[in-house]
Structures are given as structure tokens and as C-alpha cells.
Amino acid sequence: LAVGSYWIIGLASSYILAFVFGLGAVGL
């Protein structure tokens, strides 16, 4: 559950929000 939550949901969301949507540090 931790691996799925932290890495699949958490890190993927951080990358998409920070770099794909251009929100930078806040998106991360």
C-alpha cells in the first residue's frame, strides 16, 4: 500500500504537476 501510494500516486503527481503543468515547486 505504501509503495503504491508514495511512488505511483505521490511521485507521479509531483512530476506531472511540477513539470507537465508547470507549477514548479508548489506543484511538486
mmCIF file of all heavy atoms, coordinates in Angstrom:
data_MODEL
# 
_entry.id   MODEL 
# 
loop_
_atom_site.group_PDB 
_atom_site.id 
_atom_site.type_symbol 
_atom_site.label_atom_id 
_atom_site.label_alt_id 
_atom_site.label_comp_id 
_atom_site.label_asym_id 
_atom_site.label_entity_id 
_atom_site.label_seq_id 
_atom_site.pdbx_PDB_ins_code 
_atom_site.Cartn_x 
_atom_site.Cartn_y 
_atom_site.Cartn_z 
_atom_site.occupancy 
_atom_site.B_iso_or_equiv 
_atom_site.pdbx_formal_charge 
_atom_site.auth_seq_id 
_atom_site.auth_comp_id 
_atom_site.auth_asym_id 
_atom_site.auth_atom_id 
_atom_site.pdbx_PDB_model_num 
ATOM 1   N N   . LEU A 1 1  ? 0.832  -1.200 0.000   1.00 0.00 ? 1  LEU A N   1 
ATOM 2   C CA  . LEU A 1 1  ? 0.000  0.000  0.000   1.00 0.00 ? 1  LEU A CA  1 
ATOM 3   C C   . LEU A 1 1  ? 0.870  1.253  0.000   1.00 0.00 ? 1  LEU A C   1 
ATOM 4   O O   . LEU A 1 1  ? 0.558  2.248  -0.674  1.00 0.00 ? 1  LEU A O   1 
ATOM 5   C CB  . LEU A 1 1  ? -0.926 0.005  1.227   1.00 0.00 ? 1  LEU A CB  1 
ATOM 6   C CG  . LEU A 1 1  ? -1.993 -1.094 1.285   1.00 0.00 ? 1  LEU A CG  1 
ATOM 7   C CD1 . LEU A 1 1  ? -2.751 -1.028 2.612   1.00 0.00 ? 1  LEU A CD1 1 
ATOM 8   C CD2 . LEU A 1 1  ? -2.956 -0.974 0.108   1.00 0.00 ? 1  LEU A CD2 1 
ATOM 9   N N   . ALA A 1 2  ? 1.969  1.204  0.755   1.00 0.00 ? 2  ALA A N   1 
ATOM 10  C CA  . ALA A 1 2  ? 2.876  2.347  0.819   1.00 0.00 ? 2  ALA A CA  1 
ATOM 11  C C   . ALA A 1 2  ? 3.554  2.595  -0.522  1.00 0.00 ? 2  ALA A C   1 
ATOM 12  O O   . ALA A 1 2  ? 3.640  3.742  -0.987  1.00 0.00 ? 2  ALA A O   1 
ATOM 13  C CB  . ALA A 1 2  ? 3.928  2.121  1.908   1.00 0.00 ? 2  ALA A CB  1 
ATOM 14  N N   . VAL A 1 3  ? 4.043  1.547  -1.127  1.00 0.00 ? 3  VAL A N   1 
ATOM 15  C CA  . VAL A 1 3  ? 4.716  1.700  -2.424  1.00 0.00 ? 3  VAL A CA  1 
ATOM 16  C C   . VAL A 1 3  ? 3.765  2.301  -3.455  1.00 0.00 ? 3  VAL A C   1 
ATOM 17  O O   . VAL A 1 3  ? 4.121  3.232  -4.196  1.00 0.00 ? 3  VAL A O   1 
ATOM 18  C CB  . VAL A 1 3  ? 5.251  0.335  -2.916  1.00 0.00 ? 3  VAL A CB  1 
ATOM 19  C CG1 . VAL A 1 3  ? 5.746  0.437  -4.353  1.00 0.00 ? 3  VAL A CG1 1 
ATOM 20  C CG2 . VAL A 1 3  ? 6.384  -0.147 -2.001  1.00 0.00 ? 3  VAL A CG2 1 
ATOM 21  N N   . GLY A 1 4  ? 2.549  1.785  -3.511  1.00 0.00 ? 4  GLY A N   1 
ATOM 22  C CA  . GLY A 1 4  ? 1.586  2.312  -4.467  1.00 0.00 ? 4  GLY A CA  1 
ATOM 23  C C   . GLY A 1 4  ? 1.215  3.755  -4.187  1.00 0.00 ? 4  GLY A C   1 
ATOM 24  O O   . GLY A 1 4  ? 1.102  4.577  -5.113  1.00 0.00 ? 4  GLY A O   1 
ATOM 25  N N   . SER A 1 5  ? 1.041  4.104  -2.910  1.00 0.00 ? 5  SER A N   1 
ATOM 26  C CA  . SER A 1 5  ? 0.632  5.457  -2.541  1.00 0.00 ? 5  SER A CA  1 
ATOM 27  C C   . SER A 1 5  ? 1.748  6.467  -2.758  1.00 0.00 ? 5  SER A C   1 
ATOM 28  O O   . SER A 1 5  ? 1.541  7.523  -3.381  1.00 0.00 ? 5  SER A O   1 
ATOM 29  C CB  . SER A 1 5  ? 0.190  5.488  -1.075  1.00 0.00 ? 5  SER A CB  1 
ATOM 30  O OG  . SER A 1 5  ? -0.912 4.646  -0.856  1.00 0.00 ? 5  SER A OG  1 
ATOM 31  N N   . TYR A 1 6  ? 2.931  6.152  -2.245  1.00 0.00 ? 6  TYR A N   1 
ATOM 32  C CA  . TYR A 1 6  ? 4.023  7.129  -2.275  1.00 0.00 ? 6  TYR A CA  1 
ATOM 33  C C   . TYR A 1 6  ? 4.631  7.277  -3.660  1.00 0.00 ? 6  TYR A C   1 
ATOM 34  O O   . TYR A 1 6  ? 4.897  8.396  -4.112  1.00 0.00 ? 6  TYR A O   1 
ATOM 35  C CB  . TYR A 1 6  ? 5.113  6.736  -1.272  1.00 0.00 ? 6  TYR A CB  1 
ATOM 36  C CG  . TYR A 1 6  ? 4.641  6.646  0.156   1.00 0.00 ? 6  TYR A CG  1 
ATOM 37  C CD1 . TYR A 1 6  ? 5.103  5.632  0.991   1.00 0.00 ? 6  TYR A CD1 1 
ATOM 38  C CD2 . TYR A 1 6  ? 3.729  7.556  0.682   1.00 0.00 ? 6  TYR A CD2 1 
ATOM 39  C CE1 . TYR A 1 6  ? 4.683  5.532  2.307   1.00 0.00 ? 6  TYR A CE1 1 
ATOM 40  C CE2 . TYR A 1 6  ? 3.304  7.460  2.002   1.00 0.00 ? 6  TYR A CE2 1 
ATOM 41  C CZ  . TYR A 1 6  ? 3.792  6.447  2.805   1.00 0.00 ? 6  TYR A CZ  1 
ATOM 42  O OH  . TYR A 1 6  ? 3.369  6.346  4.100   1.00 0.00 ? 6  TYR A OH  1 
ATOM 43  N N   . TRP A 1 7  ? 4.861  6.155  -4.323  1.00 0.00 ? 7  TRP A N   1 
ATOM 44  C CA  . TRP A 1 7  ? 5.598  6.219  -5.582  1.00 0.00 ? 7  TRP A CA  1 
ATOM 45  C C   . TRP A 1 7  ? 4.692  6.342  -6.802  1.00 0.00 ? 7  TRP A C   1 
ATOM 46  O O   . TRP A 1 7  ? 4.940  7.180  -7.665  1.00 0.00 ? 7  TRP A O   1 
ATOM 47  C CB  . TRP A 1 7  ? 6.495  4.984  -5.706  1.00 0.00 ? 7  TRP A CB  1 
ATOM 48  C CG  . TRP A 1 7  ? 7.700  5.116  -4.834  1.00 0.00 ? 7  TRP A CG  1 
ATOM 49  C CD1 . TRP A 1 7  ? 7.787  4.848  -3.507  1.00 0.00 ? 7  TRP A CD1 1 
ATOM 50  C CD2 . TRP A 1 7  ? 8.986  5.613  -5.216  1.00 0.00 ? 7  TRP A CD2 1 
ATOM 51  N NE1 . TRP A 1 7  ? 9.046  5.138  -3.030  1.00 0.00 ? 7  TRP A NE1 1 
ATOM 52  C CE2 . TRP A 1 7  ? 9.809  5.606  -4.068  1.00 0.00 ? 7  TRP A CE2 1 
ATOM 53  C CE3 . TRP A 1 7  ? 9.526  6.050  -6.419  1.00 0.00 ? 7  TRP A CE3 1 
ATOM 54  C CZ2 . TRP A 1 7  ? 11.126 6.026  -4.081  1.00 0.00 ? 7  TRP A CZ2 1 
ATOM 55  C CZ3 . TRP A 1 7  ? 10.854 6.460  -6.440  1.00 0.00 ? 7  TRP A CZ3 1 
ATOM 56  C CH2 . TRP A 1 7  ? 11.634 6.442  -5.287  1.00 0.00 ? 7  TRP A CH2 1 
ATOM 57  N N   . ILE A 1 8  ? 3.659  5.530  -6.883  1.00 0.00 ? 8  ILE A N   1 
ATOM 58  C CA  . ILE A 1 8  ? 2.794  5.585  -8.070  1.00 0.00 ? 8  ILE A CA  1 
ATOM 59  C C   . ILE A 1 8  ? 1.930  6.835  -8.057  1.00 0.00 ? 8  ILE A C   1 
ATOM 60  O O   . ILE A 1 8  ? 1.818  7.553  -9.057  1.00 0.00 ? 8  ILE A O   1 
ATOM 61  C CB  . ILE A 1 8  ? 1.927  4.318  -8.169  1.00 0.00 ? 8  ILE A CB  1 
ATOM 62  C CG1 . ILE A 1 8  ? 2.825  3.084  -8.342  1.00 0.00 ? 8  ILE A CG1 1 
ATOM 63  C CG2 . ILE A 1 8  ? 0.944  4.433  -9.325  1.00 0.00 ? 8  ILE A CG2 1 
ATOM 64  C CD1 . ILE A 1 8  ? 2.074  1.770  -8.360  1.00 0.00 ? 8  ILE A CD1 1 
ATOM 65  N N   . ILE A 1 9  ? 1.322  7.139  -6.893  1.00 0.00 ? 9  ILE A N   1 
ATOM 66  C CA  . ILE A 1 9  ? 0.450  8.308  -6.805  1.00 0.00 ? 9  ILE A CA  1 
ATOM 67  C C   . ILE A 1 9  ? 1.239  9.563  -6.463  1.00 0.00 ? 9  ILE A C   1 
ATOM 68  O O   . ILE A 1 9  ? 1.151  10.587 -7.147  1.00 0.00 ? 9  ILE A O   1 
ATOM 69  C CB  . ILE A 1 9  ? -0.666 8.067  -5.773  1.00 0.00 ? 9  ILE A CB  1 
ATOM 70  C CG1 . ILE A 1 9  ? -1.559 6.909  -6.224  1.00 0.00 ? 9  ILE A CG1 1 
ATOM 71  C CG2 . ILE A 1 9  ? -1.505 9.341  -5.570  1.00 0.00 ? 9  ILE A CG2 1 
ATOM 72  C CD1 . ILE A 1 9  ? -2.634 6.530  -5.227  1.00 0.00 ? 9  ILE A CD1 1 
ATOM 73  N N   . GLY A 1 10 ? 2.041  9.505  -5.392  1.00 0.00 ? 10 GLY A N   1 
ATOM 74  C CA  . GLY A 1 10 ? 2.747  10.690 -4.911  1.00 0.00 ? 10 GLY A CA  1 
ATOM 75  C C   . GLY A 1 10 ? 3.761  11.253 -5.880  1.00 0.00 ? 10 GLY A C   1 
ATOM 76  O O   . GLY A 1 10 ? 3.680  12.421 -6.286  1.00 0.00 ? 10 GLY A O   1 
ATOM 77  N N   . LEU A 1 11 ? 4.737  10.435 -6.270  1.00 0.00 ? 11 LEU A N   1 
ATOM 78  C CA  . LEU A 1 11 ? 5.801  10.942 -7.144  1.00 0.00 ? 11 LEU A CA  1 
ATOM 79  C C   . LEU A 1 11 ? 5.301  11.254 -8.542  1.00 0.00 ? 11 LEU A C   1 
ATOM 80  O O   . LEU A 1 11 ? 5.714  12.242 -9.152  1.00 0.00 ? 11 LEU A O   1 
ATOM 81  C CB  . LEU A 1 11 ? 6.948  9.930  -7.211  1.00 0.00 ? 11 LEU A CB  1 
ATOM 82  C CG  . LEU A 1 11 ? 7.957  9.983  -6.068  1.00 0.00 ? 11 LEU A CG  1 
ATOM 83  C CD1 . LEU A 1 11 ? 9.076  8.993  -6.307  1.00 0.00 ? 11 LEU A CD1 1 
ATOM 84  C CD2 . LEU A 1 11 ? 8.518  11.383 -5.897  1.00 0.00 ? 11 LEU A CD2 1 
ATOM 85  N N   . ALA A 1 12 ? 4.417  10.416 -9.053  1.00 0.00 ? 12 ALA A N   1 
ATOM 86  C CA  . ALA A 1 12 ? 3.866  10.686 -10.382 1.00 0.00 ? 12 ALA A CA  1 
ATOM 87  C C   . ALA A 1 12 ? 3.109  12.009 -10.387 1.00 0.00 ? 12 ALA A C   1 
ATOM 88  O O   . ALA A 1 12 ? 3.257  12.825 -11.311 1.00 0.00 ? 12 ALA A O   1 
ATOM 89  C CB  . ALA A 1 12 ? 2.946  9.547  -10.815 1.00 0.00 ? 12 ALA A CB  1 
ATOM 90  N N   . SER A 1 13 ? 2.313  12.241 -9.357  1.00 0.00 ? 13 SER A N   1 
ATOM 91  C CA  . SER A 1 13 ? 1.574  13.505 -9.260  1.00 0.00 ? 13 SER A CA  1 
ATOM 92  C C   . SER A 1 13 ? 2.537  14.687 -9.138  1.00 0.00 ? 13 SER A C   1 
ATOM 93  O O   . SER A 1 13 ? 2.315  15.741 -9.751  1.00 0.00 ? 13 SER A O   1 
ATOM 94  C CB  . SER A 1 13 ? 0.632  13.475 -8.052  1.00 0.00 ? 13 SER A CB  1 
ATOM 95  O OG  . SER A 1 13 ? -0.320 12.450 -8.180  1.00 0.00 ? 13 SER A OG  1 
ATOM 96  N N   . SER A 1 14 ? 3.588  14.516 -8.349  1.00 0.00 ? 14 SER A N   1 
ATOM 97  C CA  . SER A 1 14 ? 4.572  15.590 -8.180  1.00 0.00 ? 14 SER A CA  1 
ATOM 98  C C   . SER A 1 14 ? 5.213  15.965 -9.511  1.00 0.00 ? 14 SER A C   1 
ATOM 99  O O   . SER A 1 14 ? 5.335  17.154 -9.851  1.00 0.00 ? 14 SER A O   1 
ATOM 100 C CB  . SER A 1 14 ? 5.656  15.169 -7.179  1.00 0.00 ? 14 SER A CB  1 
ATOM 101 O OG  . SER A 1 14 ? 5.119  15.041 -5.889  1.00 0.00 ? 14 SER A OG  1 
ATOM 102 N N   . TYR A 1 15 ? 5.623  14.961 -10.262 1.00 0.00 ? 15 TYR A N   1 
ATOM 103 C CA  . TYR A 1 15 ? 6.282  15.230 -11.545 1.00 0.00 ? 15 TYR A CA  1 
ATOM 104 C C   . TYR A 1 15 ? 5.326  15.902 -12.518 1.00 0.00 ? 15 TYR A C   1 
ATOM 105 O O   . TYR A 1 15 ? 5.674  16.896 -13.179 1.00 0.00 ? 15 TYR A O   1 
ATOM 106 C CB  . TYR A 1 15 ? 6.813  13.929 -12.148 1.00 0.00 ? 15 TYR A CB  1 
ATOM 107 C CG  . TYR A 1 15 ? 7.545  14.143 -13.456 1.00 0.00 ? 15 TYR A CG  1 
ATOM 108 C CD1 . TYR A 1 15 ? 8.895  14.485 -13.471 1.00 0.00 ? 15 TYR A CD1 1 
ATOM 109 C CD2 . TYR A 1 15 ? 6.876  14.026 -14.675 1.00 0.00 ? 15 TYR A CD2 1 
ATOM 110 C CE1 . TYR A 1 15 ? 9.567  14.707 -14.666 1.00 0.00 ? 15 TYR A CE1 1 
ATOM 111 C CE2 . TYR A 1 15 ? 7.537  14.241 -15.865 1.00 0.00 ? 15 TYR A CE2 1 
ATOM 112 C CZ  . TYR A 1 15 ? 8.881  14.577 -15.857 1.00 0.00 ? 15 TYR A CZ  1 
ATOM 113 O OH  . TYR A 1 15 ? 9.528  14.810 -17.039 1.00 0.00 ? 15 TYR A OH  1 
ATOM 114 N N   . ILE A 1 16 ? 4.113  15.368 -12.606 1.00 0.00 ? 16 ILE A N   1 
ATOM 115 C CA  . ILE A 1 16 ? 3.142  15.920 -13.566 1.00 0.00 ? 16 ILE A CA  1 
ATOM 116 C C   . ILE A 1 16 ? 2.785  17.364 -13.222 1.00 0.00 ? 16 ILE A C   1 
ATOM 117 O O   . ILE A 1 16 ? 2.779  18.244 -14.090 1.00 0.00 ? 16 ILE A O   1 
ATOM 118 C CB  . ILE A 1 16 ? 1.879  15.034 -13.605 1.00 0.00 ? 16 ILE A CB  1 
ATOM 119 C CG1 . ILE A 1 16 ? 2.211  13.672 -14.224 1.00 0.00 ? 16 ILE A CG1 1 
ATOM 120 C CG2 . ILE A 1 16 ? 0.768  15.715 -14.404 1.00 0.00 ? 16 ILE A CG2 1 
ATOM 121 C CD1 . ILE A 1 16 ? 1.101  12.649 -14.092 1.00 0.00 ? 16 ILE A CD1 1 
ATOM 122 N N   . LEU A 1 17 ? 2.514  17.625 -11.955 1.00 0.00 ? 17 LEU A N   1 
ATOM 123 C CA  . LEU A 1 17 ? 2.119  18.966 -11.553 1.00 0.00 ? 17 LEU A CA  1 
ATOM 124 C C   . LEU A 1 17 ? 3.273  19.959 -11.663 1.00 0.00 ? 17 LEU A C   1 
ATOM 125 O O   . LEU A 1 17 ? 3.089  21.113 -12.064 1.00 0.00 ? 17 LEU A O   1 
ATOM 126 C CB  . LEU A 1 17 ? 1.579  18.951 -10.116 1.00 0.00 ? 17 LEU A CB  1 
ATOM 127 C CG  . LEU A 1 17 ? 0.243  18.224 -9.912  1.00 0.00 ? 17 LEU A CG  1 
ATOM 128 C CD1 . LEU A 1 17 ? -0.085 18.104 -8.430  1.00 0.00 ? 17 LEU A CD1 1 
ATOM 129 C CD2 . LEU A 1 17 ? -0.873 18.961 -10.639 1.00 0.00 ? 17 LEU A CD2 1 
ATOM 130 N N   . ALA A 1 18 ? 4.485  19.505 -11.309 1.00 0.00 ? 18 ALA A N   1 
ATOM 131 C CA  . ALA A 1 18 ? 5.633  20.418 -11.307 1.00 0.00 ? 18 ALA A CA  1 
ATOM 132 C C   . ALA A 1 18 ? 6.143  20.718 -12.710 1.00 0.00 ? 18 ALA A C   1 
ATOM 133 O O   . ALA A 1 18 ? 6.445  21.881 -13.030 1.00 0.00 ? 18 ALA A O   1 
ATOM 134 C CB  . ALA A 1 18 ? 6.761  19.836 -10.460 1.00 0.00 ? 18 ALA A CB  1 
ATOM 135 N N   . PHE A 1 19 ? 6.221  19.692 -13.576 1.00 0.00 ? 19 PHE A N   1 
ATOM 136 C CA  . PHE A 1 19 ? 6.896  19.864 -14.858 1.00 0.00 ? 19 PHE A CA  1 
ATOM 137 C C   . PHE A 1 19 ? 5.942  19.852 -16.061 1.00 0.00 ? 19 PHE A C   1 
ATOM 138 O O   . PHE A 1 19 ? 6.153  20.600 -17.007 1.00 0.00 ? 19 PHE A O   1 
ATOM 139 C CB  . PHE A 1 19 ? 7.964  18.781 -15.017 1.00 0.00 ? 19 PHE A CB  1 
ATOM 140 C CG  . PHE A 1 19 ? 9.019  18.829 -13.947 1.00 0.00 ? 19 PHE A CG  1 
ATOM 141 C CD1 . PHE A 1 19 ? 9.014  17.931 -12.893 1.00 0.00 ? 19 PHE A CD1 1 
ATOM 142 C CD2 . PHE A 1 19 ? 10.014 19.801 -13.980 1.00 0.00 ? 19 PHE A CD2 1 
ATOM 143 C CE1 . PHE A 1 19 ? 9.977  17.980 -11.901 1.00 0.00 ? 19 PHE A CE1 1 
ATOM 144 C CE2 . PHE A 1 19 ? 10.982 19.862 -12.986 1.00 0.00 ? 19 PHE A CE2 1 
ATOM 145 C CZ  . PHE A 1 19 ? 10.959 18.957 -11.938 1.00 0.00 ? 19 PHE A CZ  1 
ATOM 146 N N   . VAL A 1 20 ? 4.925  19.013 -16.027 1.00 0.00 ? 20 VAL A N   1 
ATOM 147 C CA  . VAL A 1 20 ? 3.987  18.969 -17.153 1.00 0.00 ? 20 VAL A CA  1 
ATOM 148 C C   . VAL A 1 20 ? 3.048  20.172 -17.121 1.00 0.00 ? 20 VAL A C   1 
ATOM 149 O O   . VAL A 1 20 ? 2.851  20.858 -18.123 1.00 0.00 ? 20 VAL A O   1 
ATOM 150 C CB  . VAL A 1 20 ? 3.191  17.649 -17.156 1.00 0.00 ? 20 VAL A CB  1 
ATOM 151 C CG1 . VAL A 1 20 ? 2.170  17.645 -18.298 1.00 0.00 ? 20 VAL A CG1 1 
ATOM 152 C CG2 . VAL A 1 20 ? 4.132  16.450 -17.276 1.00 0.00 ? 20 VAL A CG2 1 
ATOM 153 N N   . PHE A 1 21 ? 2.483  20.441 -15.922 1.00 0.00 ? 21 PHE A N   1 
ATOM 154 C CA  . PHE A 1 21 ? 1.580  21.577 -15.797 1.00 0.00 ? 21 PHE A CA  1 
ATOM 155 C C   . PHE A 1 21 ? 2.301  22.873 -15.423 1.00 0.00 ? 21 PHE A C   1 
ATOM 156 O O   . PHE A 1 21 ? 1.676  23.924 -15.315 1.00 0.00 ? 21 PHE A O   1 
ATOM 157 C CB  . PHE A 1 21 ? 0.490  21.276 -14.762 1.00 0.00 ? 21 PHE A CB  1 
ATOM 158 C CG  . PHE A 1 21 ? -0.537 20.298 -15.239 1.00 0.00 ? 21 PHE A CG  1 
ATOM 159 C CD1 . PHE A 1 21 ? -0.413 18.951 -14.944 1.00 0.00 ? 21 PHE A CD1 1 
ATOM 160 C CD2 . PHE A 1 21 ? -1.619 20.702 -16.007 1.00 0.00 ? 21 PHE A CD2 1 
ATOM 161 C CE1 . PHE A 1 21 ? -1.346 18.021 -15.380 1.00 0.00 ? 21 PHE A CE1 1 
ATOM 162 C CE2 . PHE A 1 21 ? -2.568 19.790 -16.447 1.00 0.00 ? 21 PHE A CE2 1 
ATOM 163 C CZ  . PHE A 1 21 ? -2.426 18.446 -16.154 1.00 0.00 ? 21 PHE A CZ  1 
ATOM 164 N N   . GLY A 1 22 ? 3.608  22.791 -15.207 1.00 0.00 ? 22 GLY A N   1 
ATOM 165 C CA  . GLY A 1 22 ? 4.409  23.982 -14.980 1.00 0.00 ? 22 GLY A CA  1 
ATOM 166 C C   . GLY A 1 22 ? 4.186  24.681 -13.654 1.00 0.00 ? 22 GLY A C   1 
ATOM 167 O O   . GLY A 1 22 ? 4.442  25.887 -13.535 1.00 0.00 ? 22 GLY A O   1 
ATOM 168 N N   . LEU A 1 23 ? 3.743  23.950 -12.613 1.00 0.00 ? 23 LEU A N   1 
ATOM 169 C CA  . LEU A 1 23 ? 3.509  24.575 -11.314 1.00 0.00 ? 23 LEU A CA  1 
ATOM 170 C C   . LEU A 1 23 ? 4.765  24.654 -10.461 1.00 0.00 ? 23 LEU A C   1 
ATOM 171 O O   . LEU A 1 23 ? 4.746  25.216 -9.365  1.00 0.00 ? 23 LEU A O   1 
ATOM 172 C CB  . LEU A 1 23 ? 2.418  23.805 -10.555 1.00 0.00 ? 23 LEU A CB  1 
ATOM 173 C CG  . LEU A 1 23 ? 1.030  23.798 -11.207 1.00 0.00 ? 23 LEU A CG  1 
ATOM 174 C CD1 . LEU A 1 23 ? 0.054  22.992 -10.370 1.00 0.00 ? 23 LEU A CD1 1 
ATOM 175 C CD2 . LEU A 1 23 ? 0.523  25.221 -11.399 1.00 0.00 ? 23 LEU A CD2 1 
ATOM 176 N N   . GLY A 1 24 ? 5.859  24.065 -10.926 1.00 0.00 ? 24 GLY A N   1 
ATOM 177 C CA  . GLY A 1 24 ? 7.140  24.181 -10.239 1.00 0.00 ? 24 GLY A CA  1 
ATOM 178 C C   . GLY A 1 24 ? 7.128  23.600 -8.843  1.00 0.00 ? 24 GLY A C   1 
ATOM 179 O O   . GLY A 1 24 ? 6.548  22.535 -8.582  1.00 0.00 ? 24 GLY A O   1 
ATOM 180 N N   . ALA A 1 25 ? 7.762  24.331 -7.919  1.00 0.00 ? 25 ALA A N   1 
ATOM 181 C CA  . ALA A 1 25 ? 7.936  23.845 -6.554  1.00 0.00 ? 25 ALA A CA  1 
ATOM 182 C C   . ALA A 1 25 ? 6.601  23.593 -5.865  1.00 0.00 ? 25 ALA A C   1 
ATOM 183 O O   . ALA A 1 25 ? 6.430  22.594 -5.152  1.00 0.00 ? 25 ALA A O   1 
ATOM 184 C CB  . ALA A 1 25 ? 8.764  24.841 -5.749  1.00 0.00 ? 25 ALA A CB  1 
ATOM 185 N N   . VAL A 1 26 ? 5.644  24.465 -6.073  1.00 0.00 ? 26 VAL A N   1 
ATOM 186 C CA  . VAL A 1 26 ? 4.333  24.307 -5.435  1.00 0.00 ? 26 VAL A CA  1 
ATOM 187 C C   . VAL A 1 26 ? 3.631  23.044 -5.942  1.00 0.00 ? 26 VAL A C   1 
ATOM 188 O O   . VAL A 1 26 ? 3.059  22.269 -5.158  1.00 0.00 ? 26 VAL A O   1 
ATOM 189 C CB  . VAL A 1 26 ? 3.459  25.553 -5.685  1.00 0.00 ? 26 VAL A CB  1 
ATOM 190 C CG1 . VAL A 1 26 ? 2.033  25.313 -5.191  1.00 0.00 ? 26 VAL A CG1 1 
ATOM 191 C CG2 . VAL A 1 26 ? 4.054  26.766 -4.999  1.00 0.00 ? 26 VAL A CG2 1 
ATOM 192 N N   . GLY A 1 27 ? 3.676  22.802 -7.241  1.00 0.00 ? 27 GLY A N   1 
ATOM 193 C CA  . GLY A 1 27 ? 3.063  21.607 -7.802  1.00 0.00 ? 27 GLY A CA  1 
ATOM 194 C C   . GLY A 1 27 ? 3.692  20.339 -7.265  1.00 0.00 ? 27 GLY A C   1 
ATOM 195 O O   . GLY A 1 27 ? 3.001  19.338 -7.027  1.00 0.00 ? 27 GLY A O   1 
ATOM 196 N N   . LEU A 1 28 ? 5.007  20.387 -7.045  1.00 0.00 ? 28 LEU A N   1 
ATOM 197 C CA  . LEU A 1 28 ? 5.698  19.228 -6.513  1.00 0.00 ? 28 LEU A CA  1 
ATOM 198 C C   . LEU A 1 28 ? 5.155  18.876 -5.123  1.00 0.00 ? 28 LEU A C   1 
ATOM 199 O O   . LEU A 1 28 ? 4.928  17.709 -4.796  1.00 0.00 ? 28 LEU A O   1 
ATOM 200 C CB  . LEU A 1 28 ? 7.201  19.503 -6.461  1.00 0.00 ? 28 LEU A CB  1 
ATOM 201 C CG  . LEU A 1 28 ? 8.130  18.304 -6.313  1.00 0.00 ? 28 LEU A CG  1 
ATOM 202 C CD1 . LEU A 1 28 ? 9.455  18.581 -7.014  1.00 0.00 ? 28 LEU A CD1 1 
ATOM 203 C CD2 . LEU A 1 28 ? 8.384  18.008 -4.843  1.00 0.00 ? 28 LEU A CD2 1 
# 
